[in-house]
PDB file of N, CA and C in Angstrom:
ATOM      1  N   UNK A   1       0.783  -1.108   0.012  1.00  0.00           N
ATOM      2  CA  UNK A   1       0.012   0.004  -0.051  1.00  0.00           C
ATOM      3  C   UNK A   1       0.964   1.156   0.012  1.00  0.00           C
ATOM      4  N   UNK A   2       0.514   2.176  -0.822  1.00  0.00           N
ATOM      5  CA  UNK A   2       1.371   3.426  -0.883  1.00  0.00           C
ATOM      6  C   UNK A   2       1.260   4.197   0.465  1.00  0.00           C
ATOM      7  N   UNK A   3       2.255   5.169   0.616  1.00  0.00           N
ATOM      8  CA  UNK A   3       2.184   5.920   1.831  1.00  0.00           C
ATOM      9  C   UNK A   3       1.019   6.802   1.893  1.00  0.00           C
ATOM     10  N   UNK A   4       0.675   7.392   0.806  1.00  0.00           N
ATOM     11  CA  UNK A   4      -0.568   8.375   0.784  1.00  0.00           C
ATOM     12  C   UNK A   4      -1.815   7.606   1.167  1.00  0.00           C
ATOM     13  N   UNK A   5      -1.973   6.369   0.713  1.00  0.00           N
ATOM     14  CA  UNK A   5      -3.246   5.617   0.952  1.00  0.00           C
ATOM     15  C   UNK A   5      -3.178   5.130   2.515  1.00  0.00           C
ATOM     16  N   UNK A   6      -2.038   4.855   2.915  1.00  0.00           N
ATOM     17  CA  UNK A   6      -1.776   4.457   4.403  1.00  0.00           C
ATOM     18  C   UNK A   6      -2.181   5.666   5.275  1.00  0.00           C
ATOM     19  N   UNK A   7      -1.712   6.834   4.886  1.00  0.00           N
ATOM     20  CA  UNK A   7      -1.962   7.999   5.656  1.00  0.00           C
ATOM     21  C   UNK A   7      -3.333   8.384   5.620  1.00  0.00           C
ATOM     22  N   UNK A   8      -4.014   8.174   4.542  1.00  0.00           N
ATOM     23  CA  UNK A   8      -5.473   8.457   4.451  1.00  0.00           C
ATOM     24  C   UNK A   8      -6.262   7.596   5.346  1.00  0.00           C
ATOM     25  N   UNK A   9      -5.860   6.218   5.380  1.00  0.00           N
ATOM     26  CA  UNK A   9      -6.633   5.332   6.272  1.00  0.00           C
ATOM     27  C   UNK A   9      -6.427   5.655   7.719  1.00  0.00           C
ATOM     28  N   UNK A  10      -5.187   6.033   8.104  1.00  0.00           N
ATOM     29  CA  UNK A  10      -4.914   6.378   9.374  1.00  0.00           C
ATOM     30  C   UNK A  10      -5.645   7.652   9.837  1.00  0.00           C
ATOM     31  N   UNK A  11      -5.728   8.654   8.861  1.00  0.00           N
ATOM     32  CA  UNK A  11      -6.543   9.794   9.152  1.00  0.00           C
ATOM     33  C   UNK A  11      -8.066   9.539   9.468  1.00  0.00           C
ATOM     34  N   UNK A  12      -8.534   8.560   8.547  1.00  0.00           N
ATOM     35  CA  UNK A  12      -9.909   8.062   8.740  1.00  0.00           C
ATOM     36  C   UNK A  12     -10.124   7.485  10.091  1.00  0.00           C
ATOM     37  N   UNK A  13      -9.263   6.536  10.472  1.00  0.00           N
ATOM     38  CA  UNK A  13      -9.368   5.852  11.818  1.00  0.00           C
ATOM     39  C   UNK A  13      -9.286   6.897  12.935  1.00  0.00           C
ATOM     40  N   UNK A  14      -8.411   7.904  12.856  1.00  0.00           N
ATOM     41  CA  UNK A  14      -8.266   8.898  13.811  1.00  0.00           C
ATOM     42  C   UNK A  14      -9.520   9.754  13.947  1.00  0.00           C
ATOM     43  N   UNK A  15     -10.131  10.132  12.858  1.00  0.00           N
ATOM     44  CA  UNK A  15     -11.452  10.859  12.787  1.00  0.00           C
ATOM     45  C   UNK A  15     -12.569  10.064  13.394  1.00  0.00           C
ATOM     46  N   UNK A  16     -12.616   8.762  13.173  1.00  0.00           N
ATOM     47  CA  UNK A  16     -13.653   7.969  13.710  1.00  0.00           C
ATOM     48  C   UNK A  16     -13.570   7.900  15.207  1.00  0.00           C
ATOM     49  N   UNK A  17     -12.328   7.631  15.674  1.00  0.00           N
ATOM     50  CA  UNK A  17     -12.038   7.552  17.120  1.00  0.00           C
ATOM     51  C   UNK A  17     -12.364   8.903  17.807  1.00  0.00           C
ATOM     52  N   UNK A  18     -12.125   9.988  17.220  1.00  0.00           N
ATOM     53  CA  UNK A  18     -12.488  11.355  17.643  1.00  0.00           C
ATOM     54  C   UNK A  18     -13.974  11.507  17.769  1.00  0.00           C
ATOM     55  N   UNK A  19     -14.682  11.080  16.767  1.00  0.00           N
ATOM     56  CA  UNK A  19     -16.136  11.186  16.726  1.00  0.00           C
ATOM     57  C   UNK A  19     -16.729  10.266  17.863  1.00  0.00           C
ATOM     58  N   UNK A  20     -16.280   9.019  17.974  1.00  0.00           N
ATOM     59  CA  UNK A  20     -16.789   8.213  19.066  1.00  0.00           C
ATOM     60  C   UNK A  20     -16.556   8.720  20.345  1.00  0.00           C
ATOM     61  N   UNK A  21     -15.337   9.376  20.576  1.00  0.00           N
ATOM     62  CA  UNK A  21     -15.023   9.896  21.896  1.00  0.00           C
ATOM     63  C   UNK A  21     -15.889  11.138  22.139  1.00  0.00           C
ATOM     64  N   UNK A  22     -16.192  11.932  21.191  1.00  0.00           N
ATOM     65  CA  UNK A  22     -17.041  13.092  21.291  1.00  0.00           C
ATOM     66  C   UNK A  22     -18.521  12.701  21.609  1.00  0.00           C
ATOM     67  N   UNK A  23     -18.945  11.672  20.992  1.00  0.00           N
ATOM     68  CA  UNK A  23     -20.276  11.089  21.265  1.00  0.00           C
ATOM     69  C   UNK A  23     -20.522  10.634  22.630  1.00  0.00           C
ATOM     70  N   UNK A  24     -19.454   9.975  23.159  1.00  0.00           N
ATOM     71  CA  UNK A  24     -19.456   9.573  24.547  1.00  0.00           C
ATOM     72  C   UNK A  24     -19.505  10.689  25.565  1.00  0.00           C
ATOM     73  N   UNK A  25     -18.780  11.809  25.277  1.00  0.00           N
ATOM     74  CA  UNK A  25     -18.737  12.949  26.080  1.00  0.00           C
ATOM     75  C   UNK A  25     -20.001  13.717  25.971  1.00  0.00           C
ATOM     76  N   UNK A  26     -20.615  13.897  24.874  1.00  0.00           N
ATOM     77  CA  UNK A  26     -21.760  14.773  24.690  1.00  0.00           C
ATOM     78  C   UNK A  26     -23.057  14.041  25.115  1.00  0.00           C
ATOM     79  N   UNK A  27     -23.034  12.771  25.391  1.00  0.00           N
ATOM     80  CA  UNK A  27     -24.257  12.019  25.722  1.00  0.00           C
ATOM     81  C   UNK A  27     -24.761  12.654  27.078  1.00  0.00           C
ATOM     82  N   UNK A  28     -26.112  12.919  26.971  1.00  0.00           N
ATOM     83  CA  UNK A  28     -26.704  13.493  28.182  1.00  0.00           C
ATOM     84  C   UNK A  28     -27.183  12.307  29.046  1.00  0.00           C
ATOM     85  N   UNK A  29     -27.125  12.515  30.324  1.00  0.00           N
ATOM     86  CA  UNK A  29     -27.657  11.556  31.328  1.00  0.00           C
ATOM     87  C   UNK A  29     -28.755  12.198  32.114  1.00  0.00           C
ATOM     88  N   UNK A  30     -29.675  11.434  32.555  1.00  0.00           N
ATOM     89  CA  UNK A  30     -30.833  12.007  33.343  1.00  0.00           C
ATOM     90  C   UNK A  30     -30.969  11.152  34.511  1.00  0.00           C
ATOM     91  N   UNK A  31     -31.555  11.654  35.553  1.00  0.00           N
ATOM     92  CA  UNK A  31     -32.018  10.874  36.710  1.00  0.00           C
ATOM     93  C   UNK A  31     -33.503  11.137  36.845  1.00  0.00           C
ATOM     94  N   UNK A  32     -34.239   9.927  36.661  1.00  0.00           N
ATOM     95  CA  UNK A  32     -35.657   9.996  36.953  1.00  0.00           C
ATOM     96  C   UNK A  32     -35.868   9.635  38.477  1.00  0.00           C
ATOM     97  N   UNK A  33     -36.614  10.534  39.145  1.00  0.00           N
ATOM     98  CA  UNK A  33     -36.849  10.252  40.573  1.00  0.00           C
ATOM     99  C   UNK A  33     -38.397  10.132  40.768  1.00  0.00           C
ATOM    100  N   UNK A  34     -38.803   8.972  41.360  1.00  0.00           N
ATOM    101  CA  UNK A  34     -40.190   8.763  41.765  1.00  0.00           C
ATOM    102  C   UNK A  34     -40.147   8.911  43.278  1.00  0.00           C
ATOM    103  N   UNK A  35     -40.758  10.065  43.655  1.00  0.00           N
ATOM    104  CA  UNK A  35     -40.777  10.453  44.996  1.00  0.00           C
ATOM    105  C   UNK A  35     -42.103  10.062  45.668  1.00  0.00           C
ATOM    106  N   UNK A  36     -41.982   8.943  46.444  1.00  0.00           N
ATOM    107  CA  UNK A  36     -43.222   8.341  47.115  1.00  0.00           C
ATOM    108  C   UNK A  36     -43.784   9.215  48.215  1.00  0.00           C
ATOM    109  N   UNK A  37     -43.076  10.103  48.814  1.00  0.00           N
ATOM    110  CA  UNK A  37     -43.472  10.943  49.927  1.00  0.00           C
ATOM    111  C   UNK A  37     -44.532  12.004  49.392  1.00  0.00           C
ATOM    112  N   UNK A  38     -44.179  12.518  48.241  1.00  0.00           N
ATOM    113  CA  UNK A  38     -45.096  13.621  47.659  1.00  0.00           C
ATOM    114  C   UNK A  38     -45.852  13.088  46.469  1.00  0.00           C
ATOM    115  N   UNK A  39     -45.612  11.849  45.995  1.00  0.00           N
ATOM    116  CA  UNK A  39     -46.437  11.321  44.910  1.00  0.00           C
ATOM    117  C   UNK A  39     -46.052  12.014  43.614  1.00  0.00           C
ATOM    118  N   UNK A  40     -44.799  12.347  43.422  1.00  0.00           N
ATOM    119  CA  UNK A  40     -44.399  13.130  42.161  1.00  0.00           C
ATOM    120  C   UNK A  40     -43.200  12.389  41.491  1.00  0.00           C
ATOM    121  N   UNK A  41     -43.041  12.768  40.290  1.00  0.00           N
ATOM    122  CA  UNK A  41     -41.939  12.242  39.463  1.00  0.00           C
ATOM    123  C   UNK A  41     -41.181  13.470  38.965  1.00  0.00           C
ATOM    124  N   UNK A  42     -39.797  13.383  39.110  1.00  0.00           N
ATOM    125  CA  UNK A  42     -38.941  14.474  38.764  1.00  0.00           C
ATOM    126  C   UNK A  42     -37.870  13.959  37.787  1.00  0.00           C
ATOM    127  N   UNK A  43     -37.433  14.841  36.870  1.00  0.00           N
ATOM    128  CA  UNK A  43     -36.256  14.534  35.968  1.00  0.00           C
ATOM    129  C   UNK A  43     -35.205  15.597  35.971  1.00  0.00           C
ATOM    130  N   UNK A  44     -33.987  15.115  36.296  1.00  0.00           N
ATOM    131  CA  UNK A  44     -32.935  15.954  36.400  1.00  0.00           C
ATOM    132  C   UNK A  44     -31.832  15.672  35.398  1.00  0.00           C
ATOM    133  N   UNK A  45     -31.321  16.764  34.734  1.00  0.00           N
ATOM    134  CA  UNK A  45     -30.263  16.542  33.715  1.00  0.00           C
ATOM    135  C   UNK A  45     -28.946  16.562  34.458  1.00  0.00           C
ATOM    136  N   UNK A  46     -28.169  15.604  34.176  1.00  0.00           N
ATOM    137  CA  UNK A  46     -26.934  15.242  34.762  1.00  0.00           C
ATOM    138  C   UNK A  46     -25.797  15.543  33.704  1.00  0.00           C
ATOM    139  N   UNK A  47     -24.906  16.444  34.002  1.00  0.00           N
ATOM    140  CA  UNK A  47     -23.842  16.809  33.047  1.00  0.00           C
ATOM    141  C   UNK A  47     -22.630  15.949  33.171  1.00  0.00           C
ATOM    142  N   UNK A  48     -22.366  15.448  34.348  1.00  0.00           N
ATOM    143  CA  UNK A  48     -21.206  14.616  34.598  1.00  0.00           C
ATOM    144  C   UNK A  48     -21.575  13.166  34.463  1.00  0.00           C
ATOM    145  N   UNK A  49     -20.614  12.390  33.898  1.00  0.00           N
ATOM    146  CA  UNK A  49     -20.840  10.967  33.623  1.00  0.00           C
ATOM    147  C   UNK A  49     -20.029  10.108  34.628  1.00  0.00           C
ATOM    148  N   UNK A  50     -19.135  10.761  35.455  1.00  0.00           N
ATOM    149  CA  UNK A  50     -18.278   9.962  36.194  1.00  0.00           C
ATOM    150  C   UNK A  50     -18.641   9.821  37.740  1.00  0.00           C
ATOM    151  N   UNK A  51     -20.039   9.942  37.919  1.00  0.00           N
ATOM    152  CA  UNK A  51     -20.548   9.824  39.302  1.00  0.00           C
ATOM    153  C   UNK A  51     -20.815   8.394  39.695  1.00  0.00           C
ATOM    154  N   UNK A  52     -20.658   8.100  40.967  1.00  0.00           N
ATOM    155  CA  UNK A  52     -21.022   6.737  41.469  1.00  0.00           C
ATOM    156  C   UNK A  52     -22.370   6.844  42.178  1.00  0.00           C
ATOM    157  N   UNK A  53     -22.734   5.772  42.782  1.00  0.00           N
ATOM    158  CA  UNK A  53     -24.191   5.665  43.377  1.00  0.00           C
ATOM    159  C   UNK A  53     -24.269   6.695  44.523  1.00  0.00           C
ATOM    160  N   UNK A  54     -23.202   6.750  45.354  1.00  0.00           N
ATOM    161  CA  UNK A  54     -23.249   7.732  46.509  1.00  0.00           C
ATOM    162  C   UNK A  54     -23.393   9.189  46.000  1.00  0.00           C
ATOM    163  N   UNK A  55     -22.742   9.523  44.898  1.00  0.00           N
ATOM    164  CA  UNK A  55     -22.823  10.868  44.408  1.00  0.00           C
ATOM    165  C   UNK A  55     -24.316  11.080  43.876  1.00  0.00           C
ATOM    166  N   UNK A  56     -24.866  10.167  43.197  1.00  0.00           N
ATOM    167  CA  UNK A  56     -26.270  10.331  42.789  1.00  0.00           C
ATOM    168  C   UNK A  56     -27.208  10.491  43.949  1.00  0.00           C
ATOM    169  N   UNK A  57     -26.994   9.740  45.014  1.00  0.00           N
ATOM    170  CA  UNK A  57     -27.862   9.817  46.158  1.00  0.00           C
ATOM    171  C   UNK A  57     -27.740  11.177  46.803  1.00  0.00           C
ATOM    172  N   UNK A  58     -26.523  11.763  46.932  1.00  0.00           N
ATOM    173  CA  UNK A  58     -26.244  13.088  47.426  1.00  0.00           C
ATOM    174  C   UNK A  58     -26.997  14.220  46.450  1.00  0.00           C
ATOM    175  N   UNK A  59     -26.808  13.917  45.241  1.00  0.00           N
ATOM    176  CA  UNK A  59     -27.547  14.856  44.350  1.00  0.00           C
ATOM    177  C   UNK A  59     -29.098  14.882  44.478  1.00  0.00           C
ATOM    178  N   UNK A  60     -29.623  13.688  44.716  1.00  0.00           N
ATOM    179  CA  UNK A  60     -31.108  13.560  44.907  1.00  0.00           C
ATOM    180  C   UNK A  60     -31.357  14.308  46.197  1.00  0.00           C
ATOM    181  N   UNK A  61     -30.627  14.038  47.207  1.00  0.00           N
ATOM    182  CA  UNK A  61     -30.948  14.801  48.426  1.00  0.00           C
ATOM    183  C   UNK A  61     -30.790  16.310  48.312  1.00  0.00           C
ATOM    184  N   UNK A  62     -29.784  16.782  47.567  1.00  0.00           N
ATOM    185  CA  UNK A  62     -29.763  18.191  47.317  1.00  0.00           C
ATOM    186  C   UNK A  62     -30.945  18.816  46.754  1.00  0.00           C
ATOM    187  N   UNK A  63     -31.596  17.967  45.990  1.00  0.00           N
ATOM    188  CA  UNK A  63     -32.823  18.495  45.370  1.00  0.00           C
ATOM    189  C   UNK A  63     -34.074  18.294  46.252  1.00  0.00           C
ATOM    190  N   UNK A  64     -33.846  17.901  47.478  1.00  0.00           N
ATOM    191  CA  UNK A  64     -34.916  17.968  48.487  1.00  0.00           C
ATOM    192  C   UNK A  64     -35.660  16.644  48.667  1.00  0.00           C
ATOM    193  N   UNK A  65     -35.165  15.590  48.087  1.00  0.00           N
ATOM    194  CA  UNK A  65     -35.744  14.279  48.234  1.00  0.00           C
ATOM    195  C   UNK A  65     -35.113  13.494  49.324  1.00  0.00           C
ATOM    196  N   UNK A  66     -35.891  12.507  49.876  1.00  0.00           N
ATOM    197  CA  UNK A  66     -35.337  11.615  50.813  1.00  0.00           C
ATOM    198  C   UNK A  66     -35.014  10.385  50.108  1.00  0.00           C
ATOM    199  N   UNK A  67     -33.867   9.901  50.084  1.00  0.00           N
ATOM    200  CA  UNK A  67     -33.454   8.809  49.282  1.00  0.00           C
ATOM    201  C   UNK A  67     -34.144   7.447  49.795  1.00  0.00           C
ATOM    202  N   UNK A  68     -34.566   7.386  50.979  1.00  0.00           N
ATOM    203  CA  UNK A  68     -35.225   6.227  51.507  1.00  0.00           C
ATOM    204  C   UNK A  68     -36.699   6.257  51.176  1.00  0.00           C
ATOM    205  N   UNK A  69     -37.220   7.357  50.608  1.00  0.00           N
ATOM    206  CA  UNK A  69     -38.606   7.422  50.207  1.00  0.00           C
ATOM    207  C   UNK A  69     -38.867   7.597  48.726  1.00  0.00           C
ATOM    208  N   UNK A  70     -37.769   7.275  47.968  1.00  0.00           N
ATOM    209  CA  UNK A  70     -37.583   7.578  46.527  1.00  0.00           C
ATOM    210  C   UNK A  70     -37.151   6.248  45.835  1.00  0.00           C
ATOM    211  N   UNK A  71     -37.533   6.140  44.563  1.00  0.00           N
ATOM    212  CA  UNK A  71     -36.951   5.182  43.733  1.00  0.00           C
ATOM    213  C   UNK A  71     -36.363   6.126  42.539  1.00  0.00           C
ATOM    214  N   UNK A  72     -35.257   5.712  41.952  1.00  0.00           N
ATOM    215  CA  UNK A  72     -34.591   6.458  40.958  1.00  0.00           C
ATOM    216  C   UNK A  72     -33.810   5.640  39.986  1.00  0.00           C
ATOM    217  N   UNK A  73     -33.633   6.205  38.805  1.00  0.00           N
ATOM    218  CA  UNK A  73     -32.836   5.449  37.808  1.00  0.00           C
ATOM    219  C   UNK A  73     -32.126   6.514  36.913  1.00  0.00           C
ATOM    220  N   UNK A  74     -30.978   6.072  36.397  1.00  0.00           N
ATOM    221  CA  UNK A  74     -30.178   6.858  35.483  1.00  0.00           C
ATOM    222  C   UNK A  74     -30.435   6.359  34.113  1.00  0.00           C
ATOM    223  N   UNK A  75     -30.621   7.335  33.151  1.00  0.00           N
ATOM    224  CA  UNK A  75     -30.870   6.832  31.836  1.00  0.00           C
ATOM    225  C   UNK A  75     -30.395   8.015  30.883  1.00  0.00           C
ATOM    226  N   UNK A  76     -30.373   7.677  29.582  1.00  0.00           N
ATOM    227  CA  UNK A  76     -29.975   8.651  28.536  1.00  0.00           C
ATOM    228  C   UNK A  76     -31.196   9.249  28.034  1.00  0.00           C
ATOM    229  N   UNK A  77     -32.440   8.854  28.360  1.00  0.00           N
ATOM    230  CA  UNK A  77     -33.594   9.306  27.772  1.00  0.00           C
ATOM    231  C   UNK A  77     -34.350  10.323  28.658  1.00  0.00           C
ATOM    232  N   UNK A  78     -34.921  11.271  28.045  1.00  0.00           N
ATOM    233  CA  UNK A  78     -35.661  12.373  28.821  1.00  0.00           C
ATOM    234  C   UNK A  78     -37.139  12.337  28.546  1.00  0.00           C
ATOM    235  N   UNK A  79     -37.545  11.229  27.901  1.00  0.00           N
ATOM    236  CA  UNK A  79     -38.959  11.095  27.574  1.00  0.00           C
ATOM    237  C   UNK A  79     -39.528   9.792  27.980  1.00  0.00           C
ATOM    238  N   UNK A  80     -40.787   9.818  28.389  1.00  0.00           N
ATOM    239  CA  UNK A  80     -41.445   8.500  28.706  1.00  0.00           C
ATOM    240  C   UNK A  80     -42.156   7.953  27.461  1.00  0.00           C
ATOM    241  N   UNK A  81     -41.877   6.762  27.171  1.00  0.00           N
ATOM    242  CA  UNK A  81     -42.443   6.054  25.940  1.00  0.00           C
ATOM    243  C   UNK A  81     -43.399   5.021  26.409  1.00  0.00           C
ATOM    244  N   UNK A  82     -44.484   4.840  25.694  1.00  0.00           N
ATOM    245  CA  UNK A  82     -45.509   3.848  26.014  1.00  0.00           C
ATOM    246  C   UNK A  82     -45.028   2.521  25.446  1.00  0.00           C
TER     247      UNK A  82
END
């Protein structure tokens, strides 16, 4: 394979890797919180993707919910589908 074709393939691979990395970074995450105490459902947009379970629970408490009276899940979707 010629050097120019090899360089073109390397450039293509590099661009693909960059796009994949950007897609992972730009993905939005949400926390759906079902608050049994008040009978309400809340949706919170999460910008960081490096949180662990304790961080999510602290975040839920910061929004005024009691973790022991809630159910919650993390998802990439901000809509409810039937």
